[in-house]
Amino acid sequence: MNLPSSDIQCPYCGEQIEVMVDCSVPRQQYIEDCSVCCRPIVITVVASVDGVESIEARTEDE
C-alpha cells in the first residue's frame, strides 16, 4: 500500500516533519514521536478517498 505523506510542525520543537497517513480510515488519532526531538505528538487526521482533509498535531497535555 502506498501511503500519502503530510508535513506537520512539531508542537514541541517547531520543526517540520513528514508523517504517513492511511486514508482508508476516515478519522483517526494516534501518537507518533517527533523524528527531531523524539517527543510524543498526538496526531488527529480526517481523511477521505481523495486524500487528507485535515491534520492536527498537538502535545499530549493539550
PDB file of N, CA and C in Angstrom:
ATOM      1  N   MET A   1       0.851  -1.171   0.000  1.00  0.00           N
ATOM      2  CA  MET A   1       0.000   0.000   0.000  1.00  0.00           C
ATOM      3  C   MET A   1       0.900   1.240   0.000  1.00  0.00           C
ATOM      4  N   ASN A   2       0.634   2.151  -0.886  1.00  0.00           N
ATOM      5  CA  ASN A   2       1.396   3.387  -0.983  1.00  0.00           C
ATOM      6  C   ASN A   2       0.662   4.478  -0.205  1.00  0.00           C
ATOM      7  N   LEU A   3       1.169   4.815   0.969  1.00  0.00           N
ATOM      8  CA  LEU A   3       0.509   5.798   1.826  1.00  0.00           C
ATOM      9  C   LEU A   3       0.962   7.209   1.479  1.00  0.00           C
ATOM     10  N   PRO A   4       0.006   8.158   1.424  1.00  0.00           N
ATOM     11  CA  PRO A   4       0.397   9.555   1.186  1.00  0.00           C
ATOM     12  C   PRO A   4       1.066  10.135   2.435  1.00  0.00           C
ATOM     13  N   SER A   5       1.853  11.152   2.233  1.00  0.00           N
ATOM     14  CA  SER A   5       2.507  11.805   3.366  1.00  0.00           C
ATOM     15  C   SER A   5       1.979  13.227   3.521  1.00  0.00           C
ATOM     16  N   SER A   6       2.101  13.735   4.729  1.00  0.00           N
ATOM     17  CA  SER A   6       1.740  15.120   5.040  1.00  0.00           C
ATOM     18  C   SER A   6       2.833  15.705   5.909  1.00  0.00           C
ATOM     19  N   ASP A   7       3.069  16.987   5.754  1.00  0.00           N
ATOM     20  CA  ASP A   7       4.025  17.686   6.605  1.00  0.00           C
ATOM     21  C   ASP A   7       3.280  18.341   7.755  1.00  0.00           C
ATOM     22  N   ILE A   8       3.815  18.158   8.963  1.00  0.00           N
ATOM     23  CA  ILE A   8       3.258  18.802  10.146  1.00  0.00           C
ATOM     24  C   ILE A   8       4.386  19.511  10.881  1.00  0.00           C
ATOM     25  N   GLN A   9       4.023  20.399  11.778  1.00  0.00           N
ATOM     26  CA  GLN A   9       5.018  21.078  12.606  1.00  0.00           C
ATOM     27  C   GLN A   9       4.954  20.485  13.999  1.00  0.00           C
ATOM     28  N   CYS A  10       6.102  20.075  14.519  1.00  0.00           N
ATOM     29  CA  CYS A  10       6.158  19.521  15.866  1.00  0.00           C
ATOM     30  C   CYS A  10       5.743  20.600  16.862  1.00  0.00           C
ATOM     31  N   PRO A  11       4.775  20.303  17.738  1.00  0.00           N
ATOM     32  CA  PRO A  11       4.328  21.302  18.710  1.00  0.00           C
ATOM     33  C   PRO A  11       5.345  21.550  19.828  1.00  0.00           C
ATOM     34  N   TYR A  12       6.380  20.725  19.910  1.00  0.00           N
ATOM     35  CA  TYR A  12       7.415  20.895  20.931  1.00  0.00           C
ATOM     36  C   TYR A  12       8.610  21.699  20.410  1.00  0.00           C
ATOM     37  N   CYS A  13       9.225  21.224  19.315  1.00  0.00           N
ATOM     38  CA  CYS A  13      10.463  21.858  18.837  1.00  0.00           C
ATOM     39  C   CYS A  13      10.251  22.764  17.630  1.00  0.00           C
ATOM     40  N   GLY A  14       9.067  22.706  17.003  1.00  0.00           N
ATOM     41  CA  GLY A  14       8.755  23.586  15.888  1.00  0.00           C
ATOM     42  C   GLY A  14       9.263  23.131  14.530  1.00  0.00           C
ATOM     43  N   GLU A  15       9.960  21.999  14.474  1.00  0.00           N
ATOM     44  CA  GLU A  15      10.491  21.504  13.200  1.00  0.00           C
ATOM     45  C   GLU A  15       9.382  20.907  12.334  1.00  0.00           C
ATOM     46  N   GLN A  16       9.518  21.053  11.028  1.00  0.00           N
ATOM     47  CA  GLN A  16       8.610  20.411  10.073  1.00  0.00           C
ATOM     48  C   GLN A  16       9.015  18.950   9.953  1.00  0.00           C
ATOM     49  N   ILE A  17       8.057  18.047  10.096  1.00  0.00           N
ATOM     50  CA  ILE A  17       8.329  16.624   9.923  1.00  0.00           C
ATOM     51  C   ILE A  17       7.276  16.031   8.998  1.00  0.00           C
ATOM     52  N   GLU A  18       7.623  14.923   8.385  1.00  0.00           N
ATOM     53  CA  GLU A  18       6.729  14.250   7.455  1.00  0.00           C
ATOM     54  C   GLU A  18       6.124  13.030   8.137  1.00  0.00           C
ATOM     55  N   VAL A  19       4.810  12.870   8.028  1.00  0.00           N
ATOM     56  CA  VAL A  19       4.125  11.700   8.576  1.00  0.00           C
ATOM     57  C   VAL A  19       3.346  11.018   7.454  1.00  0.00           C
ATOM     58  N   MET A  20       3.228   9.716   7.539  1.00  0.00           N
ATOM     59  CA  MET A  20       2.458   8.943   6.570  1.00  0.00           C
ATOM     60  C   MET A  20       1.021   8.836   7.080  1.00  0.00           C
ATOM     61  N   VAL A  21       0.061   8.919   6.157  1.00  0.00           N
ATOM     62  CA  VAL A  21      -1.355   8.920   6.528  1.00  0.00           C
ATOM     63  C   VAL A  21      -2.086   7.820   5.772  1.00  0.00           C
ATOM     64  N   ASP A  22      -2.818   6.987   6.513  1.00  0.00           N
ATOM     65  CA  ASP A  22      -3.639   5.935   5.916  1.00  0.00           C
ATOM     66  C   ASP A  22      -5.026   6.517   5.635  1.00  0.00           C
ATOM     67  N   CYS A  23      -5.302   6.848   4.381  1.00  0.00           N
ATOM     68  CA  CYS A  23      -6.574   7.486   4.013  1.00  0.00           C
ATOM     69  C   CYS A  23      -7.745   6.503   3.944  1.00  0.00           C
ATOM     70  N   SER A  24      -7.502   5.213   4.197  1.00  0.00           N
ATOM     71  CA  SER A  24      -8.600   4.247   4.200  1.00  0.00           C
ATOM     72  C   SER A  24      -9.403   4.324   5.498  1.00  0.00           C
ATOM     73  N   VAL A  25      -8.884   5.028   6.497  1.00  0.00           N
ATOM     74  CA  VAL A  25      -9.575   5.233   7.770  1.00  0.00           C
ATOM     75  C   VAL A  25     -10.024   6.694   7.803  1.00  0.00           C
ATOM     76  N   PRO A  26     -11.349   6.961   7.835  1.00  0.00           N
ATOM     77  CA  PRO A  26     -11.857   8.332   7.717  1.00  0.00           C
ATOM     78  C   PRO A  26     -11.402   9.277   8.829  1.00  0.00           C
ATOM     79  N   ARG A  27     -11.392   8.812  10.063  1.00  0.00           N
ATOM     80  CA  ARG A  27     -10.965   9.664  11.189  1.00  0.00           C
ATOM     81  C   ARG A  27     -10.088   8.810  12.086  1.00  0.00           C
ATOM     82  N   GLN A  28      -8.931   9.337  12.415  1.00  0.00           N
ATOM     83  CA  GLN A  28      -8.005   8.570  13.237  1.00  0.00           C
ATOM     84  C   GLN A  28      -7.193   9.492  14.137  1.00  0.00           C
ATOM     85  N   GLN A  29      -6.775   8.946  15.255  1.00  0.00           N
ATOM     86  CA  GLN A  29      -5.908   9.669  16.171  1.00  0.00           C
ATOM     87  C   GLN A  29      -4.845   8.687  16.642  1.00  0.00           C
ATOM     88  N   TYR A  30      -3.598   9.117  16.593  1.00  0.00           N
ATOM     89  CA  TYR A  30      -2.509   8.253  17.021  1.00  0.00           C
ATOM     90  C   TYR A  30      -1.359   9.108  17.536  1.00  0.00           C
ATOM     91  N   ILE A  31      -0.403   8.455  18.179  1.00  0.00           N
ATOM     92  CA  ILE A  31       0.768   9.147  18.711  1.00  0.00           C
ATOM     93  C   ILE A  31       1.984   8.708  17.913  1.00  0.00           C
ATOM     94  N   GLU A  32       2.757   9.696  17.474  1.00  0.00           N
ATOM     95  CA  GLU A  32       3.995   9.431  16.741  1.00  0.00           C
ATOM     96  C   GLU A  32       5.080  10.326  17.329  1.00  0.00           C
ATOM     97  N   ASP A  33       6.250   9.750  17.553  1.00  0.00           N
ATOM     98  CA  ASP A  33       7.356  10.532  18.096  1.00  0.00           C
ATOM     99  C   ASP A  33       7.952  11.431  17.024  1.00  0.00           C
ATOM    100  N   CYS A  34       8.306  12.647  17.409  1.00  0.00           N
ATOM    101  CA  CYS A  34       8.974  13.587  16.510  1.00  0.00           C
ATOM    102  C   CYS A  34      10.328  12.997  16.118  1.00  0.00           C
ATOM    103  N   SER A  35      10.645  13.035  14.836  1.00  0.00           N
ATOM    104  CA  SER A  35      11.919  12.492  14.365  1.00  0.00           C
ATOM    105  C   SER A  35      13.098  13.393  14.725  1.00  0.00           C
ATOM    106  N   VAL A  36      12.823  14.607  15.213  1.00  0.00           N
ATOM    107  CA  VAL A  36      13.889  15.538  15.591  1.00  0.00           C
ATOM    108  C   VAL A  36      14.120  15.516  17.103  1.00  0.00           C
ATOM    109  N   CYS A  37      13.059  15.776  17.890  1.00  0.00           N
ATOM    110  CA  CYS A  37      13.229  15.880  19.344  1.00  0.00           C
ATOM    111  C   CYS A  37      12.753  14.639  20.103  1.00  0.00           C
ATOM    112  N   CYS A  38      12.145  13.687  19.409  1.00  0.00           N
ATOM    113  CA  CYS A  38      11.701  12.399  19.974  1.00  0.00           C
ATOM    114  C   CYS A  38      10.566  12.506  20.987  1.00  0.00           C
ATOM    115  N   ARG A  39       9.885  13.642  21.050  1.00  0.00           N
ATOM    116  CA  ARG A  39       8.755  13.777  21.974  1.00  0.00           C
ATOM    117  C   ARG A  39       7.485  13.288  21.294  1.00  0.00           C
ATOM    118  N   PRO A  40       6.511  12.788  22.078  1.00  0.00           N
ATOM    119  CA  PRO A  40       5.292  12.216  21.505  1.00  0.00           C
ATOM    120  C   PRO A  40       4.303  13.280  21.020  1.00  0.00           C
ATOM    121  N   ILE A  41       3.909  13.175  19.762  1.00  0.00           N
ATOM    122  CA  ILE A  41       2.956  14.103  19.151  1.00  0.00           C
ATOM    123  C   ILE A  41       1.635  13.368  18.964  1.00  0.00           C
ATOM    124  N   VAL A  42       0.538  13.967  19.426  1.00  0.00           N
ATOM    125  CA  VAL A  42      -0.795  13.420  19.184  1.00  0.00           C
ATOM    126  C   VAL A  42      -1.245  13.960  17.831  1.00  0.00           C
ATOM    127  N   ILE A  43      -1.481  13.052  16.897  1.00  0.00           N
ATOM    128  CA  ILE A  43      -1.859  13.433  15.540  1.00  0.00           C
ATOM    129  C   ILE A  43      -3.303  13.009  15.297  1.00  0.00           C
ATOM    130  N   THR A  44      -4.140  13.957  14.868  1.00  0.00           N
ATOM    131  CA  THR A  44      -5.531  13.689  14.519  1.00  0.00           C
ATOM    132  C   THR A  44      -5.691  13.956  13.032  1.00  0.00           C
ATOM    133  N   VAL A  45      -6.231  12.964  12.320  1.00  0.00           N
ATOM    134  CA  VAL A  45      -6.364  13.052  10.866  1.00  0.00           C
ATOM    135  C   VAL A  45      -7.813  12.812  10.469  1.00  0.00           C
ATOM    136  N   VAL A  46      -8.316  13.633   9.555  1.00  0.00           N
ATOM    137  CA  VAL A  46      -9.589  13.389   8.887  1.00  0.00           C
ATOM    138  C   VAL A  46      -9.237  13.182   7.423  1.00  0.00           C
ATOM    139  N   ALA A  47      -9.627  12.025   6.887  1.00  0.00           N
ATOM    140  CA  ALA A  47      -9.253  11.676   5.517  1.00  0.00           C
ATOM    141  C   ALA A  47     -10.469  11.202   4.736  1.00  0.00           C
ATOM    142  N   SER A  48     -10.325  11.213   3.417  1.00  0.00           N
ATOM    143  CA  SER A  48     -11.348  10.685   2.517  1.00  0.00           C
ATOM    144  C   SER A  48     -10.629   9.937   1.405  1.00  0.00           C
ATOM    145  N   VAL A  49     -11.387   9.368   0.494  1.00  0.00           N
ATOM    146  CA  VAL A  49     -10.768   8.650  -0.625  1.00  0.00           C
ATOM    147  C   VAL A  49      -9.942   9.590  -1.492  1.00  0.00           C
ATOM    148  N   ASP A  50     -10.223  10.892  -1.416  1.00  0.00           N
ATOM    149  CA  ASP A  50      -9.474  11.884  -2.191  1.00  0.00           C
ATOM    150  C   ASP A  50      -8.178  12.304  -1.507  1.00  0.00           C
ATOM    151  N   GLY A  51      -7.981  11.924  -0.254  1.00  0.00           N
ATOM    152  CA  GLY A  51      -6.759  12.278   0.465  1.00  0.00           C
ATOM    153  C   GLY A  51      -7.046  12.872   1.824  1.00  0.00           C
ATOM    154  N   VAL A  52      -6.048  13.513   2.383  1.00  0.00           N
ATOM    155  CA  VAL A  52      -6.145  14.106   3.719  1.00  0.00           C
ATOM    156  C   VAL A  52      -6.957  15.393   3.657  1.00  0.00           C
ATOM    157  N   GLU A  53      -8.015  15.467   4.473  1.00  0.00           N
ATOM    158  CA  GLU A  53      -8.825  16.686   4.550  1.00  0.00           C
ATOM    159  C   GLU A  53      -8.278  17.633   5.605  1.00  0.00           C
ATOM    160  N   SER A  54      -7.867  17.082   6.752  1.00  0.00           N
ATOM    161  CA  SER A  54      -7.256  17.910   7.791  1.00  0.00           C
ATOM    162  C   SER A  54      -6.334  17.044   8.637  1.00  0.00           C
ATOM    163  N   ILE A  55      -5.316  17.694   9.164  1.00  0.00           N
ATOM    164  CA  ILE A  55      -4.382  17.016  10.064  1.00  0.00           C
ATOM    165  C   ILE A  55      -3.982  18.009  11.146  1.00  0.00           C
ATOM    166  N   GLU A  56      -3.991  17.543  12.390  1.00  0.00           N
ATOM    167  CA  GLU A  56      -3.671  18.398  13.535  1.00  0.00           C
ATOM    168  C   GLU A  56      -2.608  17.705  14.371  1.00  0.00           C
ATOM    169  N   ALA A  57      -1.625  18.460  14.813  1.00  0.00           N
ATOM    170  CA  ALA A  57      -0.571  17.936  15.677  1.00  0.00           C
ATOM    171  C   ALA A  57      -0.579  18.729  16.974  1.00  0.00           C
ATOM    172  N   ARG A  58      -0.586  18.016  18.106  1.00  0.00           N
ATOM    173  CA  ARG A  58      -0.596  18.706  19.398  1.00  0.00           C
ATOM    174  C   ARG A  58       0.186  17.900  20.427  1.00  0.00           C
ATOM    175  N   THR A  59       0.452  18.530  21.558  1.00  0.00           N
ATOM    176  CA  THR A  59       1.158  17.847  22.638  1.00  0.00           C
ATOM    177  C   THR A  59       0.188  16.930  23.372  1.00  0.00           C
ATOM    178  N   GLU A  60       0.720  16.038  24.177  1.00  0.00           N
ATOM    179  CA  GLU A  60      -0.140  15.152  24.966  1.00  0.00           C
ATOM    180  C   GLU A  60      -0.905  15.916  26.042  1.00  0.00           C
ATOM    181  N   ASP A  61      -0.404  17.074  26.437  1.00  0.00           N
ATOM    182  CA  ASP A  61      -1.026  17.861  27.505  1.00  0.00           C
ATOM    183  C   ASP A  61      -2.175  18.732  27.037  1.00  0.00           C
ATOM    184  N   GLU A  62      -2.327  18.919  25.736  1.00  0.00           N
ATOM    185  CA  GLU A  62      -3.385  19.803  25.213  1.00  0.00           C
ATOM    186  C   GLU A  62      -4.722  19.115  25.231  1.00  0.00           C
TER     187      GLU A  62
END
